[in-house]
PDB file of N, CA and C in Angstrom:
ATOM      1  N   UNK A   1     124.767 126.353 102.032  1.00  0.00           N
ATOM      2  CA  UNK A   1     125.641 125.198 102.211  1.00  0.00           C
ATOM      3  C   UNK A   1     126.538 125.090 100.979  1.00  0.00           C
ATOM      4  N   UNK A   2     127.745 124.683 101.196  1.00  0.00           N
ATOM      5  CA  UNK A   2     128.730 124.522 100.133  1.00  0.00           C
ATOM      6  C   UNK A   2     128.251 123.465  99.122  1.00  0.00           C
ATOM      7  N   UNK A   3     128.317 123.767  97.819  1.00  0.00           N
ATOM      8  CA  UNK A   3     127.844 122.813  96.808  1.00  0.00           C
ATOM      9  C   UNK A   3     128.545 121.454  96.868  1.00  0.00           C
ATOM     10  N   UNK A   4     129.803 121.444  97.215  1.00  0.00           N
ATOM     11  CA  UNK A   4     130.524 120.170  97.325  1.00  0.00           C
ATOM     12  C   UNK A   4     129.957 119.344  98.476  1.00  0.00           C
ATOM     13  N   UNK A   5     129.632 120.002  99.573  1.00  0.00           N
ATOM     14  CA  UNK A   5     129.024 119.298 100.707  1.00  0.00           C
ATOM     15  C   UNK A   5     127.639 118.759 100.327  1.00  0.00           C
ATOM     16  N   UNK A   6     126.887 119.546  99.575  1.00  0.00           N
ATOM     17  CA  UNK A   6     125.568 119.108  99.125  1.00  0.00           C
ATOM     18  C   UNK A   6     125.715 117.879  98.227  1.00  0.00           C
ATOM     19  N   UNK A   7     126.679 117.924  97.314  1.00  0.00           N
ATOM     20  CA  UNK A   7     126.917 116.768  96.446  1.00  0.00           C
ATOM     21  C   UNK A   7     127.251 115.526  97.255  1.00  0.00           C
ATOM     22  N   UNK A   8     128.087 115.679  98.270  1.00  0.00           N
ATOM     23  CA  UNK A   8     128.457 114.530  99.109  1.00  0.00           C
ATOM     24  C   UNK A   8     127.233 113.958  99.826  1.00  0.00           C
ATOM     25  N   UNK A   9     126.356 114.827 100.297  1.00  0.00           N
ATOM     26  CA  UNK A   9     125.121 114.367 100.942  1.00  0.00           C
ATOM     27  C   UNK A   9     124.268 113.610  99.932  1.00  0.00           C
ATOM     28  N   UNK A  10     124.162 114.147  98.728  1.00  0.00           N
ATOM     29  CA  UNK A  10     123.379 113.493  97.675  1.00  0.00           C
ATOM     30  C   UNK A  10     123.944 112.111  97.380  1.00  0.00           C
ATOM     31  N   UNK A  11     125.258 112.017  97.223  1.00  0.00           N
ATOM     32  CA  UNK A  11     125.891 110.729  96.897  1.00  0.00           C
ATOM     33  C   UNK A  11     125.690 109.711  98.025  1.00  0.00           C
ATOM     34  N   UNK A  12     125.838 110.163  99.272  1.00  0.00           N
ATOM     35  CA  UNK A  12     125.642 109.249 100.412  1.00  0.00           C
ATOM     36  C   UNK A  12     124.190 108.781 100.497  1.00  0.00           C
ATOM     37  N   UNK A  13     123.274 109.689 100.253  1.00  0.00           N
ATOM     38  CA  UNK A  13     121.856 109.327 100.290  1.00  0.00           C
ATOM     39  C   UNK A  13     121.528 108.344  99.168  1.00  0.00           C
ATOM     40  N   UNK A  14     122.139 108.537  98.008  1.00  0.00           N
ATOM     41  CA  UNK A  14     121.916 107.617  96.887  1.00  0.00           C
ATOM     42  C   UNK A  14     122.402 106.208  97.228  1.00  0.00           C
ATOM     43  N   UNK A  15     123.509 106.114  97.944  1.00  0.00           N
ATOM     44  CA  UNK A  15     124.009 104.799  98.385  1.00  0.00           C
ATOM     45  C   UNK A  15     123.016 104.166  99.355  1.00  0.00           C
ATOM     46  N   UNK A  16     122.475 104.967 100.260  1.00  0.00           N
ATOM     47  CA  UNK A  16     121.468 104.454 101.199  1.00  0.00           C
ATOM     48  C   UNK A  16     120.222 103.976 100.455  1.00  0.00           C
ATOM     49  N   UNK A  17     119.854 104.680  99.411  1.00  0.00           N
ATOM     50  CA  UNK A  17     118.694 104.276  98.616  1.00  0.00           C
ATOM     51  C   UNK A  17     118.945 102.920  97.980  1.00  0.00           C
ATOM     52  N   UNK A  18     120.133 102.738  97.420  1.00  0.00           N
ATOM     53  CA  UNK A  18     120.471 101.446  96.810  1.00  0.00           C
ATOM     54  C   UNK A  18     120.367 100.313  97.821  1.00  0.00           C
ATOM     55  N   UNK A  19     120.904 100.532  99.007  1.00  0.00           N
ATOM     56  CA  UNK A  19     120.854  99.508 100.049  1.00  0.00           C
ATOM     57  C   UNK A  19     119.421  99.257 100.506  1.00  0.00           C
ATOM     58  N   UNK A  20     118.643 100.314 100.611  1.00  0.00           N
ATOM     59  CA  UNK A  20     117.260 100.189 101.057  1.00  0.00           C
ATOM     60  C   UNK A  20     116.427  99.440 100.028  1.00  0.00           C
ATOM     61  N   UNK A  21     116.654  99.723  98.757  1.00  0.00           N
ATOM     62  CA  UNK A  21     115.897  99.068  97.687  1.00  0.00           C
ATOM     63  C   UNK A  21     116.069  97.550  97.750  1.00  0.00           C
ATOM     64  N   UNK A  22     117.233  97.096  98.150  1.00  0.00           N
ATOM     65  CA  UNK A  22     117.485  95.656  98.258  1.00  0.00           C
ATOM     66  C   UNK A  22     116.588  95.002  99.310  1.00  0.00           C
ATOM     67  N   UNK A  23     116.131  95.780 100.280  1.00  0.00           N
ATOM     68  CA  UNK A  23     115.356  95.240 101.398  1.00  0.00           C
ATOM     69  C   UNK A  23     113.863  95.527 101.333  1.00  0.00           C
ATOM     70  N   UNK A  24     113.404  96.217 100.302  1.00  0.00           N
ATOM     71  CA  UNK A  24     111.976  96.553 100.273  1.00  0.00           C
ATOM     72  C   UNK A  24     111.137  95.302 100.057  1.00  0.00           C
ATOM     73  N   UNK A  25     109.940  95.329 100.628  1.00  0.00           N
ATOM     74  CA  UNK A  25     109.029  94.186 100.569  1.00  0.00           C
ATOM     75  C   UNK A  25     107.912  94.401  99.548  1.00  0.00           C
ATOM     76  N   UNK A  26     107.710  95.632  99.130  1.00  0.00           N
ATOM     77  CA  UNK A  26     106.644  95.948  98.174  1.00  0.00           C
ATOM     78  C   UNK A  26     107.155  97.003  97.203  1.00  0.00           C
ATOM     79  N   UNK A  27     106.539  97.067  96.049  1.00  0.00           N
ATOM     80  CA  UNK A  27     106.895  98.067  95.033  1.00  0.00           C
ATOM     81  C   UNK A  27     108.375  98.024  94.674  1.00  0.00           C
ATOM     82  N   UNK A  28     108.905  96.837  94.599  1.00  0.00           N
ATOM     83  CA  UNK A  28     110.337  96.677  94.366  1.00  0.00           C
ATOM     84  C   UNK A  28     110.799  97.299  93.053  1.00  0.00           C
ATOM     85  N   UNK A  29     110.062  97.072  91.983  1.00  0.00           N
ATOM     86  CA  UNK A  29     110.479  97.609  90.691  1.00  0.00           C
ATOM     87  C   UNK A  29     110.430  99.128  90.669  1.00  0.00           C
ATOM     88  N   UNK A  30     109.383  99.704  91.233  1.00  0.00           N
ATOM     89  CA  UNK A  30     109.258 101.157  91.248  1.00  0.00           C
ATOM     90  C   UNK A  30     110.355 101.791  92.110  1.00  0.00           C
ATOM     91  N   UNK A  31     110.652 101.169  93.233  1.00  0.00           N
ATOM     92  CA  UNK A  31     111.729 101.659  94.094  1.00  0.00           C
ATOM     93  C   UNK A  31     113.064 101.563  93.364  1.00  0.00           C
ATOM     94  N   UNK A  32     113.268 100.459  92.691  1.00  0.00           N
ATOM     95  CA  UNK A  32     114.514 100.259  91.944  1.00  0.00           C
ATOM     96  C   UNK A  32     114.666 101.319  90.853  1.00  0.00           C
ATOM     97  N   UNK A  33     113.571 101.614  90.144  1.00  0.00           N
ATOM     98  CA  UNK A  33     113.625 102.628  89.089  1.00  0.00           C
ATOM     99  C   UNK A  33     113.938 104.012  89.642  1.00  0.00           C
ATOM    100  N   UNK A  34     113.388 104.337  90.799  1.00  0.00           N
ATOM    101  CA  UNK A  34     113.726 105.622  91.423  1.00  0.00           C
ATOM    102  C   UNK A  34     115.224 105.686  91.704  1.00  0.00           C
ATOM    103  N   UNK A  35     115.762 104.611  92.262  1.00  0.00           N
ATOM    104  CA  UNK A  35     117.194 104.562  92.548  1.00  0.00           C
ATOM    105  C   UNK A  35     118.033 104.687  91.291  1.00  0.00           C
ATOM    106  N   UNK A  36     117.617 104.018  90.222  1.00  0.00           N
ATOM    107  CA  UNK A  36     118.361 104.090  88.957  1.00  0.00           C
ATOM    108  C   UNK A  36     118.313 105.495  88.370  1.00  0.00           C
ATOM    109  N   UNK A  37     117.172 106.131  88.509  1.00  0.00           N
ATOM    110  CA  UNK A  37     117.032 107.496  87.995  1.00  0.00           C
ATOM    111  C   UNK A  37     117.946 108.458  88.763  1.00  0.00           C
ATOM    112  N   UNK A  38     118.005 108.288  90.059  1.00  0.00           N
ATOM    113  CA  UNK A  38     118.887 109.121  90.879  1.00  0.00           C
ATOM    114  C   UNK A  38     120.343 108.860  90.499  1.00  0.00           C
ATOM    115  N   UNK A  39     120.709 107.603  90.299  1.00  0.00           N
ATOM    116  CA  UNK A  39     122.077 107.267  89.891  1.00  0.00           C
ATOM    117  C   UNK A  39     122.434 107.913  88.555  1.00  0.00           C
ATOM    118  N   UNK A  40     121.498 107.932  87.617  1.00  0.00           N
ATOM    119  CA  UNK A  40     121.753 108.535  86.306  1.00  0.00           C
ATOM    120  C   UNK A  40     122.029 110.035  86.446  1.00  0.00           C
ATOM    121  N   UNK A  41     121.237 110.700  87.279  1.00  0.00           N
ATOM    122  CA  UNK A  41     121.457 112.130  87.505  1.00  0.00           C
ATOM    123  C   UNK A  41     122.791 112.346  88.201  1.00  0.00           C
ATOM    124  N   UNK A  42     123.114 111.491  89.179  1.00  0.00           N
ATOM    125  CA  UNK A  42     124.387 111.618  89.888  1.00  0.00           C
ATOM    126  C   UNK A  42     125.574 111.465  88.943  1.00  0.00           C
ATOM    127  N   UNK A  43     125.473 110.552  87.984  1.00  0.00           N
ATOM    128  CA  UNK A  43     126.569 110.374  87.026  1.00  0.00           C
ATOM    129  C   UNK A  43     126.814 111.669  86.250  1.00  0.00           C
ATOM    130  N   UNK A  44     125.742 112.340  85.889  1.00  0.00           N
ATOM    131  CA  UNK A  44     125.876 113.623  85.186  1.00  0.00           C
ATOM    132  C   UNK A  44     126.452 114.697  86.099  1.00  0.00           C
ATOM    133  N   UNK A  45     126.060 114.668  87.364  1.00  0.00           N
ATOM    134  CA  UNK A  45     126.566 115.663  88.314  1.00  0.00           C
ATOM    135  C   UNK A  45     128.078 115.548  88.508  1.00  0.00           C
ATOM    136  N   UNK A  46     128.599 114.350  88.375  1.00  0.00           N
ATOM    137  CA  UNK A  46     130.041 114.149  88.558  1.00  0.00           C
ATOM    138  C   UNK A  46     130.860 114.877  87.502  1.00  0.00           C
ATOM    139  N   UNK A  47     130.213 115.270  86.409  1.00  0.00           N
ATOM    140  CA  UNK A  47     130.931 115.986  85.355  1.00  0.00           C
ATOM    141  C   UNK A  47     130.996 117.493  85.610  1.00  0.00           C
ATOM    142  N   UNK A  48     130.291 117.978  86.636  1.00  0.00           N
ATOM    143  CA  UNK A  48     130.336 119.406  86.952  1.00  0.00           C
ATOM    144  C   UNK A  48     131.706 119.770  87.492  1.00  0.00           C
ATOM    145  N   UNK A  49     132.223 120.904  87.038  1.00  0.00           N
ATOM    146  CA  UNK A  49     133.517 121.359  87.550  1.00  0.00           C
ATOM    147  C   UNK A  49     133.314 122.427  88.623  1.00  0.00           C
ATOM    148  N   UNK A  50     134.404 122.880  89.207  1.00  0.00           N
ATOM    149  CA  UNK A  50     134.333 123.837  90.320  1.00  0.00           C
ATOM    150  C   UNK A  50     133.650 125.128  89.887  1.00  0.00           C
ATOM    151  N   UNK A  51     133.892 125.556  88.665  1.00  0.00           N
ATOM    152  CA  UNK A  51     133.273 126.796  88.185  1.00  0.00           C
ATOM    153  C   UNK A  51     131.754 126.637  88.082  1.00  0.00           C
ATOM    154  N   UNK A  52     131.317 125.478  87.594  1.00  0.00           N
ATOM    155  CA  UNK A  52     129.870 125.209  87.512  1.00  0.00           C
ATOM    156  C   UNK A  52     129.230 125.267  88.892  1.00  0.00           C
ATOM    157  N   UNK A  53     129.912 124.688  89.869  1.00  0.00           N
ATOM    158  CA  UNK A  53     129.354 124.593  91.220  1.00  0.00           C
ATOM    159  C   UNK A  53     129.226 125.955  91.908  1.00  0.00           C
ATOM    160  N   UNK A  54     129.932 126.968  91.411  1.00  0.00           N
ATOM    161  CA  UNK A  54     129.864 128.290  92.025  1.00  0.00           C
ATOM    162  C   UNK A  54     128.681 129.115  91.530  1.00  0.00           C
ATOM    163  N   UNK A  55     128.037 128.671  90.469  1.00  0.00           N
ATOM    164  CA  UNK A  55     126.898 129.416  89.939  1.00  0.00           C
ATOM    165  C   UNK A  55     125.720 129.309  90.906  1.00  0.00           C
ATOM    166  N   UNK A  56     125.095 130.435  91.188  1.00  0.00           N
ATOM    167  CA  UNK A  56     124.030 130.459  92.200  1.00  0.00           C
ATOM    168  C   UNK A  56     122.837 129.588  91.818  1.00  0.00           C
ATOM    169  N   UNK A  57     122.493 129.549  90.527  1.00  0.00           N
ATOM    170  CA  UNK A  57     121.350 128.721  90.130  1.00  0.00           C
ATOM    171  C   UNK A  57     121.649 127.233  90.296  1.00  0.00           C
ATOM    172  N   UNK A  58     122.901 126.849  90.135  1.00  0.00           N
ATOM    173  CA  UNK A  58     123.293 125.448  90.357  1.00  0.00           C
ATOM    174  C   UNK A  58     123.202 125.122  91.846  1.00  0.00           C
ATOM    175  N   UNK A  59     123.618 126.055  92.683  1.00  0.00           N
ATOM    176  CA  UNK A  59     123.540 125.826  94.131  1.00  0.00           C
ATOM    177  C   UNK A  59     122.107 125.552  94.558  1.00  0.00           C
ATOM    178  N   UNK A  60     121.181 126.366  94.080  1.00  0.00           N
ATOM    179  CA  UNK A  60     119.771 126.180  94.439  1.00  0.00           C
ATOM    180  C   UNK A  60     119.232 124.880  93.865  1.00  0.00           C
ATOM    181  N   UNK A  61     119.601 124.580  92.628  1.00  0.00           N
ATOM    182  CA  UNK A  61     119.134 123.345  91.989  1.00  0.00           C
ATOM    183  C   UNK A  61     119.684 122.117  92.702  1.00  0.00           C
ATOM    184  N   UNK A  62     120.946 122.176  93.127  1.00  0.00           N
ATOM    185  CA  UNK A  62     121.533 121.061  93.878  1.00  0.00           C
ATOM    186  C   UNK A  62     120.807 120.858  95.198  1.00  0.00           C
ATOM    187  N   UNK A  63     120.480 121.948  95.864  1.00  0.00           N
ATOM    188  CA  UNK A  63     119.776 121.824  97.133  1.00  0.00           C
ATOM    189  C   UNK A  63     118.374 121.238  96.921  1.00  0.00           C
ATOM    190  N   UNK A  64     117.715 121.644  95.851  1.00  0.00           N
ATOM    191  CA  UNK A  64     116.406 121.063  95.530  1.00  0.00           C
ATOM    192  C   UNK A  64     116.534 119.568  95.241  1.00  0.00           C
ATOM    193  N   UNK A  65     117.574 119.188  94.516  1.00  0.00           N
ATOM    194  CA  UNK A  65     117.802 117.779  94.206  1.00  0.00           C
ATOM    195  C   UNK A  65     118.095 116.998  95.484  1.00  0.00           C
ATOM    196  N   UNK A  66     118.883 117.593  96.377  1.00  0.00           N
ATOM    197  CA  UNK A  66     119.180 116.942  97.663  1.00  0.00           C
ATOM    198  C   UNK A  66     117.898 116.651  98.426  1.00  0.00           C
ATOM    199  N   UNK A  67     117.001 117.628  98.462  1.00  0.00           N
ATOM    200  CA  UNK A  67     115.723 117.449  99.156  1.00  0.00           C
ATOM    201  C   UNK A  67     114.889 116.358  98.490  1.00  0.00           C
ATOM    202  N   UNK A  68     114.893 116.338  97.181  1.00  0.00           N
ATOM    203  CA  UNK A  68     114.128 115.334  96.440  1.00  0.00           C
ATOM    204  C   UNK A  68     114.675 113.934  96.696  1.00  0.00           C
ATOM    205  N   UNK A  69     115.995 113.802  96.694  1.00  0.00           N
ATOM    206  CA  UNK A  69     116.629 112.504  96.954  1.00  0.00           C
ATOM    207  C   UNK A  69     116.285 112.034  98.365  1.00  0.00           C
ATOM    208  N   UNK A  70     116.276 112.955  99.316  1.00  0.00           N
ATOM    209  CA  UNK A  70     115.912 112.599 100.691  1.00  0.00           C
ATOM    210  C   UNK A  70     114.455 112.156 100.763  1.00  0.00           C
ATOM    211  N   UNK A  71     113.575 112.830 100.029  1.00  0.00           N
ATOM    212  CA  UNK A  71     112.161 112.424  99.985  1.00  0.00           C
ATOM    213  C   UNK A  71     112.028 111.016  99.416  1.00  0.00           C
ATOM    214  N   UNK A  72     112.816 110.731  98.393  1.00  0.00           N
ATOM    215  CA  UNK A  72     112.786 109.389  97.795  1.00  0.00           C
ATOM    216  C   UNK A  72     113.219 108.345  98.819  1.00  0.00           C
ATOM    217  N   UNK A  73     114.292 108.632  99.547  1.00  0.00           N
ATOM    218  CA  UNK A  73     114.761 107.700 100.573  1.00  0.00           C
ATOM    219  C   UNK A  73     113.692 107.494 101.640  1.00  0.00           C
ATOM    220  N   UNK A  74     113.096 108.577 102.105  1.00  0.00           N
ATOM    221  CA  UNK A  74     112.054 108.464 103.131  1.00  0.00           C
ATOM    222  C   UNK A  74     110.884 107.632 102.632  1.00  0.00           C
ATOM    223  N   UNK A  75     110.500 107.838 101.393  1.00  0.00           N
ATOM    224  CA  UNK A  75     109.374 107.111 100.819  1.00  0.00           C
ATOM    225  C   UNK A  75     109.697 105.634 100.648  1.00  0.00           C
ATOM    226  N   UNK A  76     110.864 105.342 100.100  1.00  0.00           N
ATOM    227  CA  UNK A  76     111.265 103.948  99.859  1.00  0.00           C
ATOM    228  C   UNK A  76     111.421 103.189 101.171  1.00  0.00           C
ATOM    229  N   UNK A  77     111.928 103.862 102.188  1.00  0.00           N
ATOM    230  CA  UNK A  77     112.186 103.218 103.478  1.00  0.00           C
ATOM    231  C   UNK A  77     110.924 102.608 104.077  1.00  0.00           C
ATOM    232  N   UNK A  78     109.790 103.216 103.845  1.00  0.00           N
ATOM    233  CA  UNK A  78     108.556 102.689 104.433  1.00  0.00           C
ATOM    234  C   UNK A  78     108.204 101.307 103.897  1.00  0.00           C
ATOM    235  N   UNK A  79     108.741 100.921 102.756  1.00  0.00           N
ATOM    236  CA  UNK A  79     108.436  99.608 102.193  1.00  0.00           C
ATOM    237  C   UNK A  79     109.336  98.500 102.747  1.00  0.00           C
ATOM    238  N   UNK A  80     110.276  98.863 103.613  1.00  0.00           N
ATOM    239  CA  UNK A  80     111.130  97.866 104.264  1.00  0.00           C
ATOM    240  C   UNK A  80     110.420  97.179 105.416  1.00  0.00           C
ATOM    241  N   UNK A  81     109.545  97.893 106.063  1.00  0.00           N
ATOM    242  CA  UNK A  81     108.896  97.393 107.267  1.00  0.00           C
ATOM    243  C   UNK A  81     107.874  96.323 106.906  1.00  0.00           C
ATOM    244  N   UNK A  82     108.118  95.153 107.376  1.00  0.00           N
ATOM    245  CA  UNK A  82     107.281  94.011 107.030  1.00  0.00           C
ATOM    246  C   UNK A  82     105.846  94.162 107.536  1.00  0.00           C
ATOM    247  N   UNK A  83     105.674  94.695 108.711  1.00  0.00           N
ATOM    248  CA  UNK A  83     104.337  94.748 109.300  1.00  0.00           C
ATOM    249  C   UNK A  83     103.449  95.785 108.642  1.00  0.00           C
ATOM    250  N   UNK A  84     104.034  96.831 108.110  1.00  0.00           N
ATOM    251  CA  UNK A  84     103.186  97.902 107.592  1.00  0.00           C
ATOM    252  C   UNK A  84     103.084  97.933 106.069  1.00  0.00           C
ATOM    253  N   UNK A  85     103.955  97.250 105.370  1.00  0.00           N
ATOM    254  CA  UNK A  85     103.921  97.385 103.909  1.00  0.00           C
ATOM    255  C   UNK A  85     102.637  96.846 103.313  1.00  0.00           C
ATOM    256  N   UNK A  86     102.113  95.754 103.850  1.00  0.00           N
ATOM    257  CA  UNK A  86     100.894  95.190 103.280  1.00  0.00           C
ATOM    258  C   UNK A  86      99.729  96.172 103.418  1.00  0.00           C
ATOM    259  N   UNK A  87      99.596  96.769 104.573  1.00  0.00           N
ATOM    260  CA  UNK A  87      98.521  97.727 104.808  1.00  0.00           C
ATOM    261  C   UNK A  87      98.675  98.922 103.869  1.00  0.00           C
ATOM    262  N   UNK A  88      99.884  99.416 103.736  1.00  0.00           N
ATOM    263  CA  UNK A  88     100.108 100.569 102.861  1.00  0.00           C
ATOM    264  C   UNK A  88      99.800 100.238 101.412  1.00  0.00           C
ATOM    265  N   UNK A  89     100.237  99.077 100.955  1.00  0.00           N
ATOM    266  CA  UNK A  89      99.973  98.686  99.572  1.00  0.00           C
ATOM    267  C   UNK A  89      98.481  98.508  99.364  1.00  0.00           C
ATOM    268  N   UNK A  90      97.842  97.843 100.298  1.00  0.00           N
ATOM    269  CA  UNK A  90      96.405  97.602 100.188  1.00  0.00           C
ATOM    270  C   UNK A  90      95.632  98.915 100.123  1.00  0.00           C
ATOM    271  N   UNK A  91      95.966  99.836 101.003  1.00  0.00           N
ATOM    272  CA  UNK A  91      95.245 101.101 101.074  1.00  0.00           C
ATOM    273  C   UNK A  91      95.569 102.031  99.915  1.00  0.00           C
ATOM    274  N   UNK A  92      96.791 102.022  99.472  1.00  0.00           N
ATOM    275  CA  UNK A  92      97.224 103.019  98.494  1.00  0.00           C
ATOM    276  C   UNK A  92      97.511 102.465  97.102  1.00  0.00           C
ATOM    277  N   UNK A  93      97.201 101.223  96.866  1.00  0.00           N
ATOM    278  CA  UNK A  93      97.370 100.604  95.562  1.00  0.00           C
ATOM    279  C   UNK A  93      98.749 100.912  94.973  1.00  0.00           C
ATOM    280  N   UNK A  94      99.752 100.462  95.696  1.00  0.00           N
ATOM    281  CA  UNK A  94     101.148 100.569  95.282  1.00  0.00           C
ATOM    282  C   UNK A  94     101.696 101.999  95.205  1.00  0.00           C
ATOM    283  N   UNK A  95     100.988 102.934  95.805  1.00  0.00           N
ATOM    284  CA  UNK A  95     101.482 104.313  95.872  1.00  0.00           C
ATOM    285  C   UNK A  95     101.814 104.888  94.491  1.00  0.00           C
ATOM    286  N   UNK A  96     101.042 104.510  93.515  1.00  0.00           N
ATOM    287  CA  UNK A  96     101.305 104.923  92.131  1.00  0.00           C
ATOM    288  C   UNK A  96     101.469 106.437  91.991  1.00  0.00           C
ATOM    289  N   UNK A  97     100.591 107.182  92.613  1.00  0.00           N
ATOM    290  CA  UNK A  97     100.659 108.636  92.493  1.00  0.00           C
ATOM    291  C   UNK A  97     101.917 109.211  93.122  1.00  0.00           C
ATOM    292  N   UNK A  98     102.325 108.666  94.254  1.00  0.00           N
ATOM    293  CA  UNK A  98     103.535 109.166  94.915  1.00  0.00           C
ATOM    294  C   UNK A  98     104.773 108.869  94.081  1.00  0.00           C
ATOM    295  N   UNK A  99     104.840 107.677  93.489  1.00  0.00           N
ATOM    296  CA  UNK A  99     105.962 107.358  92.615  1.00  0.00           C
ATOM    297  C   UNK A  99     105.980 108.298  91.410  1.00  0.00           C
ATOM    298  N   UNK A 100     104.818 108.586  90.850  1.00  0.00           N
ATOM    299  CA  UNK A 100     104.752 109.502  89.715  1.00  0.00           C
ATOM    300  C   UNK A 100     105.229 110.893  90.115  1.00  0.00           C
ATOM    301  N   UNK A 101     104.825 111.337  91.283  1.00  0.00           N
ATOM    302  CA  UNK A 101     105.233 112.651  91.769  1.00  0.00           C
ATOM    303  C   UNK A 101     106.747 112.719  91.973  1.00  0.00           C
ATOM    304  N   UNK A 102     107.318 111.692  92.585  1.00  0.00           N
ATOM    305  CA  UNK A 102     108.764 111.680  92.801  1.00  0.00           C
ATOM    306  C   UNK A 102     109.518 111.631  91.478  1.00  0.00           C
ATOM    307  N   UNK A 103     109.029 110.845  90.529  1.00  0.00           N
ATOM    308  CA  UNK A 103     109.665 110.806  89.213  1.00  0.00           C
ATOM    309  C   UNK A 103     109.589 112.157  88.517  1.00  0.00           C
ATOM    310  N   UNK A 104     108.461 112.826  88.662  1.00  0.00           N
ATOM    311  CA  UNK A 104     108.301 114.160  88.094  1.00  0.00           C
ATOM    312  C   UNK A 104     109.275 115.149  88.742  1.00  0.00           C
ATOM    313  N   UNK A 105     109.413 115.068  90.059  1.00  0.00           N
ATOM    314  CA  UNK A 105     110.353 115.940  90.766  1.00  0.00           C
ATOM    315  C   UNK A 105     111.787 115.675  90.315  1.00  0.00           C
ATOM    316  N   UNK A 106     112.137 114.396  90.131  1.00  0.00           N
ATOM    317  CA  UNK A 106     113.483 114.066  89.655  1.00  0.00           C
ATOM    318  C   UNK A 106     113.719 114.621  88.254  1.00  0.00           C
ATOM    319  N   UNK A 107     112.724 114.521  87.401  1.00  0.00           N
ATOM    320  CA  UNK A 107     112.842 115.076  86.048  1.00  0.00           C
ATOM    321  C   UNK A 107     113.030 116.589  86.105  1.00  0.00           C
ATOM    322  N   UNK A 108     112.276 117.232  86.972  1.00  0.00           N
ATOM    323  CA  UNK A 108     112.398 118.680  87.113  1.00  0.00           C
ATOM    324  C   UNK A 108     113.779 119.059  87.632  1.00  0.00           C
ATOM    325  N   UNK A 109     114.285 118.292  88.587  1.00  0.00           N
ATOM    326  CA  UNK A 109     115.637 118.556  89.110  1.00  0.00           C
ATOM    327  C   UNK A 109     116.679 118.409  88.006  1.00  0.00           C
ATOM    328  N   UNK A 110     116.555 117.367  87.207  1.00  0.00           N
ATOM    329  CA  UNK A 110     117.488 117.161  86.101  1.00  0.00           C
ATOM    330  C   UNK A 110     117.423 118.339  85.127  1.00  0.00           C
ATOM    331  N   UNK A 111     116.215 118.803  84.829  1.00  0.00           N
ATOM    332  CA  UNK A 111     116.066 119.965  83.943  1.00  0.00           C
ATOM    333  C   UNK A 111     116.699 121.205  84.554  1.00  0.00           C
ATOM    334  N   UNK A 112     116.445 121.433  85.829  1.00  0.00           N
ATOM    335  CA  UNK A 112     117.000 122.602  86.518  1.00  0.00           C
ATOM    336  C   UNK A 112     118.524 122.587  86.524  1.00  0.00           C
ATOM    337  N   UNK A 113     119.087 121.394  86.587  1.00  0.00           N
ATOM    338  CA  UNK A 113     120.546 121.242  86.588  1.00  0.00           C
ATOM    339  C   UNK A 113     121.115 121.220  85.171  1.00  0.00           C
ATOM    340  N   UNK A 114     120.245 121.367  84.183  1.00  0.00           N
ATOM    341  CA  UNK A 114     120.647 121.340  82.769  1.00  0.00           C
ATOM    342  C   UNK A 114     121.329 120.045  82.385  1.00  0.00           C
ATOM    343  N   UNK A 115     120.793 118.929  82.846  1.00  0.00           N
ATOM    344  CA  UNK A 115     121.385 117.620  82.543  1.00  0.00           C
ATOM    345  C   UNK A 115     120.626 116.951  81.410  1.00  0.00           C
TER     346      UNK A 115
END
């Protein structure tokens, strides 16, 4: 996939994350921090030029970041549902491990992108 198209998908997904975070019923701070972390990486990505985007390692790293951002959106979205968030929080104690894993993946993506 074209790196510019991947970037556009990442940016659109980040906007969806911001909107979703406003509606979450549980783990609001952790969801917000994930969104802020993604925004910080996106700000750095905006400084990439066309030559940078043609490098094969950047293409793979961008695709990995796109997948990670989508995972974050999927994870955060589950906290919007009023009927299920209480059960999920109760059973999983705020999903601490999943948030840690996503934060670790975001850090790895940032490293891979040399940000």
